[in-house]
Amino acid sequence: MDNNALNLKTHKIFEYKGSNYLFISDTASLFEIDEDLKRAIDSENNIFRTRNLNNKDEIINSLDKAGFLKDSFREPDLLGIIEEQDPTALVLMLSQNCNLRCTYCYAGDGEYSNKGFMSKEIAKKAIDYVFMNYDNDRITLILFGGEPLLNIELFEYCIEYGKLKAKETNKSIAFSTTTNATLLNPENSKLIRDNNFTVTISIDGDKETHNKNRFDVNRQGTYDKVVEKINKYLGTRNISARATLTKHNPNIKDIYEHLYKLGFGSIHISPSIEFMDGNAYEELTMHYINLIEEFRKRLNEKDYEYCIKMSNLVSYLQRIHNGGLRRKFCGAYNNMITVDIDGKIYGCHRFVSNPPFYYGKANSDIIIDDKKKNEYIQLMVKNTNSPCQDCWILGLCGGGCPAENLNATGDVTKPHGLTCEHLRQIMPEVIRLYLDLTNEQKDILFRENEGKD
């Protein structure tokens, strides 16, 4: 290695409030640097010129430990570790059918190109397999759809049988579901409450925004019914809201504030790539920056509840705070196992409408093709061959959801261009927000959100 010109990994330098900061993409690490070090970093050519640098050996050693020097970096066998991970979550597609007709549904009316309901036999096989074959002490059973409450008998069976298997195997079980809330009633809501479900409700914002895209088979908006049913049967405080943005309303700040006023415990908002265009992304970027400013204002006012519930933004801040080398940014194929209504096994529910991505079958016996599974994992690992490798925000965005990439570009490794541009514009603001956090604010934000990155 030529110590006068060292090759560097992807990074970005920020000037903020009179100081210089270095962000290393690979490890999402942020460091304050002095003028001498800034001058030595040639970002255009990704090299570090050390000829006239004081304390050269000490600085090189520090940068090497931070994973900033390309030639001396030793890639750990993260792929091997990922491939060996046992799933902690089982997703059962109880219903590939839905009672709504949302315009942007990635599952095609909740059907995933294969309308129907899961049988008790397939659900039992899948639950047996996960509890008997994996070493994790705790399994999360995710009852999913379509609309899972359409298959309420199987919903109830999975709860009871899951608890039985957990007891038999001396493990613990947790439950989760995502619902449009329109089918909530005294019986199924009692099941949900009594079994401490983590619940996510699909709701897109205020009445006008929600009803523009989320309506029933008669094209009647569902906002009033959703809000009424939630308040009547579950309450909002202990459940999460998930909103989908389209070009009709990319105002993420207004949507967040409406859902916050409804009292949801956590709020996540994501754009529907197929229903956004360039103009909508420009608006989204502007509104996102406004949301960041509101977040900063509320923090300074000690309105921590407003900030903690903003899961999109807090998750980015959490990644900066934690740092660390990552090569895979979601749990598809290694942390979760998803079973469709026919018993086909996928790495994530988002892949169910793409049959080539299944790697097993749950019928009379569970058959897993580990080779095929690991091939999909390798596709999603962000290594030196990734098209995102030279992008400085990779350590924060992870290269996008692989399934969304597949739908948008035809390639799990190739992200959606408009999304990339949007994220490259907001991430500097996110980093500046992190730099403004006090120790008290960090303690509150990241203690409350520990493990949510």
Protein backbone atom coordinates (compact mmCIF):
# COMPACT_ATOMS: atom_id res chain seq x y z
CA MET A 1 0.00 0.00 0.00
CA ASP A 2 1.32 3.45 -0.99
CA ASN A 3 0.96 5.50 2.18
CA ASN A 4 1.07 8.74 0.21
CA ALA A 5 -2.13 8.00 -1.74
CA LEU A 6 -4.52 5.53 -0.15
CA ASN A 7 -7.71 4.33 -1.85
CA LEU A 8 -10.87 5.21 0.07
CA LYS A 9 -14.29 3.69 0.40
CA THR A 10 -17.41 5.61 -0.61
CA HIS A 11 -18.02 8.64 1.61
CA LYS A 12 -19.30 12.20 1.81
CA ILE A 13 -17.93 15.29 3.58
CA PHE A 14 -20.28 17.80 5.19
CA GLU A 15 -19.73 21.31 6.41
CA TYR A 16 -22.15 22.22 9.16
CA LYS A 17 -22.10 25.07 11.66
CA GLY A 18 -18.43 25.78 11.11
CA SER A 19 -17.25 22.17 11.43
CA ASN A 20 -16.40 19.43 8.95
CA TYR A 21 -17.85 15.93 9.12
CA LEU A 22 -17.00 12.71 7.33
CA PHE A 23 -19.73 10.17 6.64
CA ILE A 24 -18.49 6.68 5.67
CA SER A 25 -21.16 4.87 3.70
CA ASP A 26 -20.05 1.31 4.36
CA THR A 27 -20.50 1.59 8.10
CA ALA A 28 -22.93 4.54 8.24
CA SER A 29 -20.31 6.17 10.50
CA LEU A 30 -20.05 9.90 11.15
CA PHE A 31 -16.85 11.65 12.32
CA GLU A 32 -15.87 15.25 12.91
CA ILE A 33 -12.65 16.06 11.03
CA ASP A 34 -10.29 19.03 11.00
CA GLU A 35 -9.25 21.15 8.00
CA ASP A 36 -6.00 19.24 7.47
CA LEU A 37 -7.78 15.93 7.20
CA LYS A 38 -10.45 17.41 4.97
CA ARG A 39 -7.80 18.70 2.57
CA ALA A 40 -6.11 15.31 2.49
CA ILE A 41 -9.31 13.58 1.35
CA ASP A 42 -9.74 13.76 -2.42
CA SER A 43 -13.40 12.80 -2.69
CA GLU A 44 -13.54 13.18 -6.45
CA ASN A 45 -10.93 10.46 -6.94
CA ASN A 46 -11.66 8.56 -3.71
CA ILE A 47 -8.08 8.77 -2.47
CA PHE A 48 -6.40 10.02 0.68
CA ARG A 49 -3.24 12.12 0.16
CA THR A 50 -1.04 11.89 3.24
CA ARG A 51 2.28 13.41 2.16
CA ASN A 52 2.03 16.64 4.20
CA LEU A 53 -0.17 15.35 6.99
CA ASN A 54 0.91 15.64 10.61
CA ASN A 55 0.54 12.50 12.75
CA LYS A 56 0.15 10.55 9.53
CA ASP A 57 0.55 7.04 11.01
CA GLU A 58 -1.89 7.73 13.83
CA ILE A 59 -4.51 9.12 11.44
CA ILE A 60 -4.10 6.26 8.96
CA ASN A 61 -4.52 3.76 11.77
CA SER A 62 -7.72 5.48 12.96
CA LEU A 63 -9.19 5.59 9.45
CA ASP A 64 -8.25 1.97 8.91
CA LYS A 65 -10.11 0.95 12.08
CA ALA A 66 -13.12 2.91 10.84
CA GLY A 67 -13.16 0.81 7.65
CA PHE A 68 -12.41 3.83 5.47
CA LEU A 69 -9.33 2.50 3.68
CA LYS A 70 -10.32 0.36 0.74
CA ASP A 71 -7.16 -1.65 0.15
CA SER A 72 -6.57 -2.77 3.71
CA PHE A 73 -10.20 -3.52 4.57
CA ARG A 74 -10.80 -7.19 5.27
CA GLU A 75 -14.33 -8.20 4.36
CA PRO A 76 -15.78 -10.42 7.11
CA ASP A 77 -17.76 -13.50 6.14
CA LEU A 78 -21.08 -11.77 6.68
CA LEU A 79 -22.68 -13.75 3.86
CA GLY A 80 -21.89 -17.00 5.62
CA ILE A 81 -23.34 -15.66 8.86
CA ILE A 82 -26.50 -14.47 7.09
CA GLU A 83 -27.00 -17.80 5.31
CA GLU A 84 -26.78 -19.66 8.61
CA GLN A 85 -29.35 -17.50 10.42
CA ASP A 86 -32.55 -19.20 11.49
CA PRO A 87 -35.83 -17.37 10.85
CA THR A 88 -37.43 -15.63 13.80
CA ALA A 89 -40.73 -14.93 12.03
CA LEU A 90 -43.25 -17.07 10.17
CA VAL A 91 -45.57 -15.21 7.81
CA LEU A 92 -48.75 -17.09 6.89
CA MET A 93 -50.76 -15.74 3.96
CA LEU A 94 -54.12 -16.70 5.45
CA SER A 95 -56.04 -14.93 2.70
CA GLN A 96 -54.97 -14.02 -0.80
CA ASN A 97 -58.17 -12.07 -1.14
CA CYS A 98 -59.40 -8.72 0.11
CA ASN A 99 -62.65 -6.86 0.67
CA LEU A 100 -61.12 -3.58 -0.54
CA ARG A 101 -59.94 -2.49 -3.99
CA CYS A 102 -57.08 -0.11 -3.23
CA THR A 103 -55.70 1.49 -6.37
CA TYR A 104 -52.03 0.90 -5.57
CA CYS A 105 -52.20 -2.61 -4.10
CA TYR A 106 -48.93 -4.37 -4.94
CA ALA A 107 -50.75 -7.67 -4.34
CA GLY A 108 -53.44 -7.03 -6.97
CA ASP A 109 -56.60 -6.76 -4.82
CA GLY A 110 -54.78 -8.76 -2.17
CA GLU A 111 -54.64 -11.85 -4.39
CA TYR A 112 -50.92 -12.02 -5.27
CA SER A 113 -51.97 -13.43 -8.66
CA ASN A 114 -53.57 -16.43 -6.92
CA LYS A 115 -56.90 -15.80 -5.21
CA GLY A 116 -57.94 -18.03 -2.33
CA PHE A 117 -57.51 -19.00 1.31
CA MET A 118 -54.91 -21.04 3.17
CA SER A 119 -56.00 -24.42 4.55
CA LYS A 120 -55.61 -25.53 8.13
CA GLU A 121 -53.32 -28.37 6.98
CA ILE A 122 -50.80 -26.02 5.35
CA ALA A 123 -50.84 -23.64 8.33
CA LYS A 124 -50.25 -26.56 10.73
CA LYS A 125 -47.35 -27.92 8.65
CA ALA A 126 -45.69 -24.52 8.52
CA ILE A 127 -46.05 -23.88 12.26
CA ASP A 128 -44.76 -27.37 13.06
CA TYR A 129 -41.76 -26.89 10.81
CA VAL A 130 -40.66 -23.55 12.23
CA PHE A 131 -40.98 -24.60 15.86
CA MET A 132 -39.36 -28.00 15.36
CA ASN A 133 -36.49 -27.07 13.03
CA TYR A 134 -35.15 -23.71 14.20
CA ASP A 135 -33.20 -22.96 17.36
CA ASN A 136 -34.59 -19.51 18.15
CA ASP A 137 -36.30 -19.36 21.52
CA ARG A 138 -38.94 -16.90 20.30
CA ILE A 139 -40.98 -17.06 17.10
CA THR A 140 -43.22 -14.29 15.81
CA LEU A 141 -46.26 -15.60 13.96
CA ILE A 142 -47.45 -13.02 11.42
CA LEU A 143 -50.99 -13.55 10.14
CA PHE A 144 -51.15 -11.77 6.82
CA GLY A 145 -53.12 -11.25 3.64
CA GLY A 146 -54.82 -9.82 1.52
CA GLU A 147 -57.12 -9.23 4.43
CA PRO A 148 -56.36 -11.91 7.05
CA LEU A 149 -59.62 -11.39 8.94
CA LEU A 150 -61.51 -12.81 5.94
CA ASN A 151 -60.21 -16.21 7.08
CA ILE A 152 -61.13 -15.79 10.71
CA GLU A 153 -61.44 -19.50 11.52
CA LEU A 154 -57.85 -20.11 10.45
CA PHE A 155 -56.79 -16.89 12.18
CA GLU A 156 -58.08 -18.28 15.47
CA TYR A 157 -56.66 -21.75 14.81
CA CYS A 158 -53.17 -20.37 14.17
CA ILE A 159 -53.23 -18.53 17.47
CA GLU A 160 -54.21 -21.59 19.48
CA TYR A 161 -51.99 -24.04 17.61
CA GLY A 162 -49.06 -21.64 17.71
CA LYS A 163 -49.35 -21.34 21.48
CA LEU A 164 -49.55 -25.12 21.77
CA LYS A 165 -46.38 -25.66 19.73
CA ALA A 166 -44.55 -22.97 21.69
CA LYS A 167 -45.42 -24.77 24.92
CA GLU A 168 -44.43 -28.19 23.50
CA THR A 169 -41.04 -26.90 22.33
CA ASN A 170 -40.40 -24.73 25.39
CA LYS A 171 -40.33 -21.58 23.26
CA SER A 172 -42.23 -18.32 23.35
CA ILE A 173 -44.49 -16.93 20.67
CA ALA A 174 -45.57 -13.45 19.64
CA PHE A 175 -48.33 -12.50 17.23
CA SER A 176 -48.60 -9.81 14.58
CA THR A 177 -51.10 -8.87 11.89
CA THR A 178 -51.79 -6.16 9.33
CA THR A 179 -55.42 -5.34 8.60
CA ASN A 180 -57.51 -2.70 6.85
CA ALA A 181 -59.69 -2.63 10.03
CA THR A 182 -63.02 -2.70 8.17
CA LEU A 183 -63.85 -6.22 9.41
CA LEU A 184 -63.06 -5.63 13.07
CA ASN A 185 -65.84 -6.79 15.40
CA PRO A 186 -66.20 -7.72 19.09
CA GLU A 187 -65.03 -11.31 18.54
CA ASN A 188 -61.95 -10.88 16.39
CA SER A 189 -60.79 -7.77 18.23
CA LYS A 190 -60.97 -9.71 21.50
CA LEU A 191 -58.71 -12.37 19.95
CA ILE A 192 -56.26 -9.67 18.97
CA ARG A 193 -56.29 -7.96 22.37
CA ASP A 194 -56.20 -11.13 24.46
CA ASN A 195 -53.16 -12.43 22.59
CA ASN A 196 -51.20 -9.15 22.67
CA PHE A 197 -50.95 -8.80 18.90
CA THR A 198 -48.72 -6.23 17.31
CA VAL A 199 -51.22 -4.61 14.95
CA THR A 200 -50.62 -2.48 11.89
CA ILE A 201 -53.55 -0.63 10.33
CA SER A 202 -53.48 0.50 6.71
CA ILE A 203 -54.70 4.11 6.69
CA ASP A 204 -53.48 6.80 4.32
CA GLY A 205 -54.12 10.04 6.17
CA ASP A 206 -57.18 12.26 6.32
CA LYS A 207 -60.55 11.31 4.87
CA GLU A 208 -59.99 12.85 1.43
CA THR A 209 -56.54 11.32 1.01
CA HIS A 210 -57.55 7.90 2.29
CA ASN A 211 -60.75 7.64 0.26
CA LYS A 212 -58.98 8.58 -2.96
CA ASN A 213 -57.23 5.20 -3.01
CA ARG A 214 -58.70 2.94 -0.34
CA PHE A 215 -62.28 2.00 -1.18
CA ASP A 216 -64.46 -1.11 -1.12
CA VAL A 217 -65.75 -3.20 -4.03
CA ASN A 218 -68.49 -0.60 -4.59
CA ARG A 219 -65.85 2.15 -4.78
CA GLN A 220 -67.05 3.65 -1.51
CA GLY A 221 -64.33 5.26 0.61
CA THR A 222 -63.53 3.46 3.86
CA TYR A 223 -62.02 6.18 6.06
CA ASP A 224 -65.05 6.65 8.33
CA LYS A 225 -65.48 2.91 8.82
CA VAL A 226 -61.77 2.38 9.55
CA VAL A 227 -61.59 5.14 12.18
CA GLU A 228 -64.87 4.08 13.77
CA LYS A 229 -63.86 0.41 14.02
CA ILE A 230 -60.39 1.15 15.39
CA ASN A 231 -61.73 3.47 18.09
CA LYS A 232 -64.52 1.08 18.98
CA TYR A 233 -62.57 -2.15 19.17
CA LEU A 234 -58.82 -1.56 19.52
CA GLY A 235 -58.04 2.06 20.22
CA THR A 236 -55.10 3.69 18.48
CA ARG A 237 -52.50 4.06 21.19
CA ASN A 238 -51.01 0.58 21.03
CA ILE A 239 -51.25 0.00 17.28
CA SER A 240 -49.28 1.23 14.28
CA ALA A 241 -50.45 3.08 11.22
CA ARG A 242 -49.02 2.49 7.78
CA ALA A 243 -49.79 5.07 5.11
CA THR A 244 -49.05 4.86 1.40
CA LEU A 245 -48.20 7.98 -0.57
CA THR A 246 -49.26 8.53 -4.17
CA LYS A 247 -48.90 11.43 -6.58
CA HIS A 248 -52.35 12.64 -5.45
CA ASN A 249 -50.94 13.59 -2.06
CA PRO A 250 -47.18 13.41 -1.42
CA ASN A 251 -47.46 15.76 1.58
CA ILE A 252 -45.85 13.46 4.13
CA LYS A 253 -45.91 16.12 6.85
CA ASP A 254 -49.68 16.65 6.68
CA ILE A 255 -50.30 12.91 6.58
CA TYR A 256 -48.06 12.29 9.58
CA GLU A 257 -49.71 15.03 11.61
CA HIS A 258 -53.20 13.75 10.86
CA LEU A 259 -52.31 10.21 11.91
CA TYR A 260 -50.50 11.56 14.96
CA LYS A 261 -53.65 13.42 16.02
CA LEU A 262 -55.61 10.18 15.70
CA GLY A 263 -53.32 8.81 18.41
CA PHE A 264 -51.49 5.92 16.72
CA GLY A 265 -48.56 4.51 18.66
CA SER A 266 -46.25 4.41 15.64
CA ILE A 267 -46.56 5.81 12.13
CA HIS A 268 -44.79 4.63 8.99
CA ILE A 269 -45.30 6.31 5.61
CA SER A 270 -43.97 5.03 2.28
CA PRO A 271 -44.49 6.05 -1.36
CA SER A 272 -46.08 3.62 -3.82
CA ILE A 273 -43.44 3.65 -6.52
CA GLU A 274 -45.86 2.80 -9.33
CA PHE A 275 -48.17 5.66 -8.34
CA MET A 276 -45.54 8.39 -8.04
CA ASP A 277 -43.97 10.48 -10.79
CA GLY A 278 -41.09 12.96 -10.95
CA ASN A 279 -43.21 15.92 -9.86
CA ALA A 280 -44.63 13.95 -6.93
CA TYR A 281 -41.15 13.00 -5.76
CA GLU A 282 -40.05 16.63 -5.92
CA GLU A 283 -43.02 17.56 -3.73
CA LEU A 284 -42.31 14.66 -1.40
CA THR A 285 -38.72 15.83 -0.96
CA MET A 286 -39.87 19.34 -0.06
CA HIS A 287 -42.47 18.05 2.41
CA TYR A 288 -40.00 15.58 3.93
CA ILE A 289 -37.55 18.39 4.63
CA ASN A 290 -40.41 20.34 6.23
CA LEU A 291 -41.13 17.30 8.37
CA ILE A 292 -37.48 17.15 9.46
CA GLU A 293 -37.65 20.80 10.49
CA GLU A 294 -40.82 20.14 12.48
CA PHE A 295 -39.11 17.17 14.10
CA ARG A 296 -36.19 19.40 15.13
CA LYS A 297 -38.59 22.04 16.50
CA ARG A 298 -40.58 19.50 18.51
CA LEU A 299 -37.40 17.98 19.91
CA ASN A 300 -36.25 21.35 21.15
CA GLU A 301 -39.67 21.84 22.74
CA LYS A 302 -39.27 18.40 24.42
CA ASP A 303 -42.34 17.09 22.60
CA TYR A 304 -40.72 13.67 22.42
CA GLU A 305 -43.94 11.75 21.77
CA TYR A 306 -44.38 13.54 18.44
CA CYS A 307 -40.86 12.56 17.40
CA ILE A 308 -40.68 8.99 18.68
CA LYS A 309 -43.73 7.95 16.66
CA MET A 310 -42.15 9.09 13.39
CA SER A 311 -40.70 5.69 12.49
CA ASN A 312 -39.35 6.67 9.03
CA LEU A 313 -37.10 9.39 10.34
CA VAL A 314 -36.16 7.73 13.63
CA SER A 315 -34.99 4.60 11.80
CA TYR A 316 -32.53 6.66 9.71
CA LEU A 317 -31.26 8.45 12.80
CA GLN A 318 -30.91 5.10 14.54
CA ARG A 319 -28.70 3.76 11.73
CA ILE A 320 -26.37 6.73 12.03
CA HIS A 321 -26.30 6.37 15.81
CA ASN A 322 -25.56 2.64 15.75
CA GLY A 323 -23.24 2.58 12.73
CA GLY A 324 -21.69 -0.76 11.86
CA LEU A 325 -21.02 -2.75 8.71
CA ARG A 326 -24.11 -4.12 7.00
CA ARG A 327 -24.37 -6.16 3.85
CA LYS A 328 -28.06 -7.02 3.96
CA PHE A 329 -30.70 -4.57 5.06
CA CYS A 330 -33.87 -6.62 5.47
CA GLY A 331 -34.79 -10.03 6.83
CA ALA A 332 -36.05 -11.59 3.60
CA TYR A 333 -35.01 -15.25 3.28
CA ASN A 334 -32.83 -15.34 6.39
CA ASN A 335 -34.92 -13.84 9.22
CA MET A 336 -38.37 -14.78 7.99
CA ILE A 337 -40.18 -17.55 6.18
CA THR A 338 -43.39 -16.82 4.26
CA VAL A 339 -45.93 -19.44 3.20
CA ASP A 340 -48.60 -18.72 0.57
CA ILE A 341 -52.07 -20.29 0.31
CA ASP A 342 -50.76 -23.21 -1.76
CA GLY A 343 -47.88 -23.93 0.60
CA LYS A 344 -45.12 -22.36 -1.48
CA ILE A 345 -42.36 -20.91 0.68
CA TYR A 346 -40.86 -17.46 0.03
CA GLY A 347 -38.45 -15.19 1.83
CA CYS A 348 -40.97 -12.37 2.28
CA HIS A 349 -44.64 -11.66 1.59
CA ARG A 350 -43.66 -9.09 -1.03
CA PHE A 351 -42.26 -11.88 -3.24
CA VAL A 352 -45.41 -14.01 -3.19
CA SER A 353 -46.67 -12.50 -6.46
CA ASN A 354 -43.35 -13.50 -8.08
CA PRO A 355 -43.45 -17.34 -8.16
CA PRO A 356 -39.84 -17.77 -9.36
CA PHE A 357 -38.71 -16.53 -5.93
CA TYR A 358 -40.10 -19.43 -3.92
CA TYR A 359 -37.66 -21.96 -2.49
CA GLY A 360 -39.78 -24.63 -0.86
CA LYS A 361 -43.19 -26.22 -0.43
CA ALA A 362 -45.32 -27.07 2.60
CA ASN A 363 -47.62 -29.92 1.64
CA SER A 364 -47.43 -33.46 3.03
CA ASP A 365 -43.82 -32.68 3.96
CA ILE A 366 -41.82 -29.47 4.12
CA ILE A 367 -39.29 -29.37 1.31
CA ILE A 368 -36.67 -26.60 1.45
CA ASP A 369 -34.19 -25.92 -1.33
CA ASP A 370 -31.34 -24.36 0.69
CA LYS A 371 -29.23 -23.80 -2.41
CA LYS A 372 -31.99 -21.77 -4.04
CA LYS A 373 -32.65 -19.89 -0.81
CA ASN A 374 -29.00 -18.92 -0.46
CA GLU A 375 -28.86 -17.79 -4.09
CA TYR A 376 -31.63 -15.29 -3.31
CA ILE A 377 -29.82 -14.15 -0.17
CA GLN A 378 -26.66 -13.59 -2.20
CA LEU A 379 -28.64 -11.47 -4.67
CA MET A 380 -29.70 -9.18 -1.83
CA VAL A 381 -26.34 -8.83 -0.14
CA LYS A 382 -24.80 -5.46 -0.98
CA ASN A 383 -21.26 -6.35 -1.96
CA THR A 384 -18.66 -4.90 -4.29
CA ASN A 385 -20.75 -5.97 -7.29
CA SER A 386 -23.82 -4.05 -6.17
CA PRO A 387 -24.91 -1.21 -8.49
CA CYS A 388 -25.37 0.84 -5.29
CA GLN A 389 -21.78 0.34 -4.14
CA ASP A 390 -20.55 3.80 -5.17
CA CYS A 391 -23.55 5.67 -3.74
CA TRP A 392 -22.82 7.44 -0.47
CA ILE A 393 -26.29 6.81 1.03
CA LEU A 394 -26.12 3.01 0.72
CA GLY A 395 -25.35 2.65 4.43
CA LEU A 396 -28.62 4.43 5.24
CA CYS A 397 -31.11 3.32 2.57
CA GLY A 398 -29.77 -0.20 2.03
CA GLY A 399 -30.33 -0.07 -1.71
CA GLY A 400 -34.11 -0.21 -1.45
CA CYS A 401 -36.57 -3.02 -0.78
CA PRO A 402 -35.52 -5.92 -3.05
CA ALA A 403 -39.13 -6.76 -3.94
CA GLU A 404 -39.91 -3.12 -4.78
CA ASN A 405 -36.75 -3.01 -6.89
CA LEU A 406 -37.92 -6.13 -8.73
CA ASN A 407 -41.31 -4.61 -9.48
CA ALA A 408 -39.90 -1.23 -10.51
CA THR A 409 -36.80 -2.26 -12.47
CA GLY A 410 -37.04 -6.01 -12.99
CA ASP A 411 -33.93 -6.55 -10.84
CA VAL A 412 -33.79 -7.00 -7.04
CA THR A 413 -30.39 -5.28 -6.97
CA LYS A 414 -31.32 -2.25 -9.06
CA PRO A 415 -33.21 0.47 -7.16
CA HIS A 416 -35.85 2.85 -8.46
CA GLY A 417 -34.15 5.97 -9.81
CA LEU A 418 -36.67 8.55 -8.57
CA THR A 419 -36.54 7.06 -5.08
CA CYS A 420 -32.74 7.22 -5.12
CA GLU A 421 -32.74 10.88 -6.09
CA HIS A 422 -35.28 11.70 -3.38
CA LEU A 423 -33.21 9.93 -0.72
CA ARG A 424 -29.97 11.58 -1.82
CA GLN A 425 -31.62 14.96 -1.28
CA ILE A 426 -33.08 14.29 2.16
CA MET A 427 -30.19 12.34 3.72
CA PRO A 428 -27.91 15.38 4.21
CA GLU A 429 -30.77 16.96 6.18
CA VAL A 430 -31.15 13.78 8.23
CA ILE A 431 -27.43 13.81 9.06
CA ARG A 432 -27.56 17.50 10.05
CA LEU A 433 -30.52 16.68 12.27
CA TYR A 434 -28.48 13.94 13.93
CA LEU A 435 -25.60 16.37 14.48
CA ASP A 436 -27.99 18.72 16.29
CA LEU A 437 -29.20 16.05 18.74
CA THR A 438 -28.28 16.56 22.37
CA ASN A 439 -27.26 13.64 24.58
CA GLU A 440 -30.65 13.82 26.27
CA GLN A 441 -32.45 13.66 22.92
CA LYS A 442 -30.34 10.72 21.77
CA ASP A 443 -31.02 8.88 24.99
CA ILE A 444 -34.77 9.30 24.64
CA LEU A 445 -35.01 8.62 20.90
CA PHE A 446 -32.77 5.59 20.79
CA ARG A 447 -33.69 4.07 24.12
CA GLU A 448 -37.33 4.06 23.12
CA ASN A 449 -36.49 2.68 19.66
CA GLU A 450 -33.84 0.14 20.63
CA GLY A 451 -33.85 -2.77 18.16
CA LYS A 452 -36.09 -1.03 15.60
CA ASP A 453 -33.35 -0.26 13.08
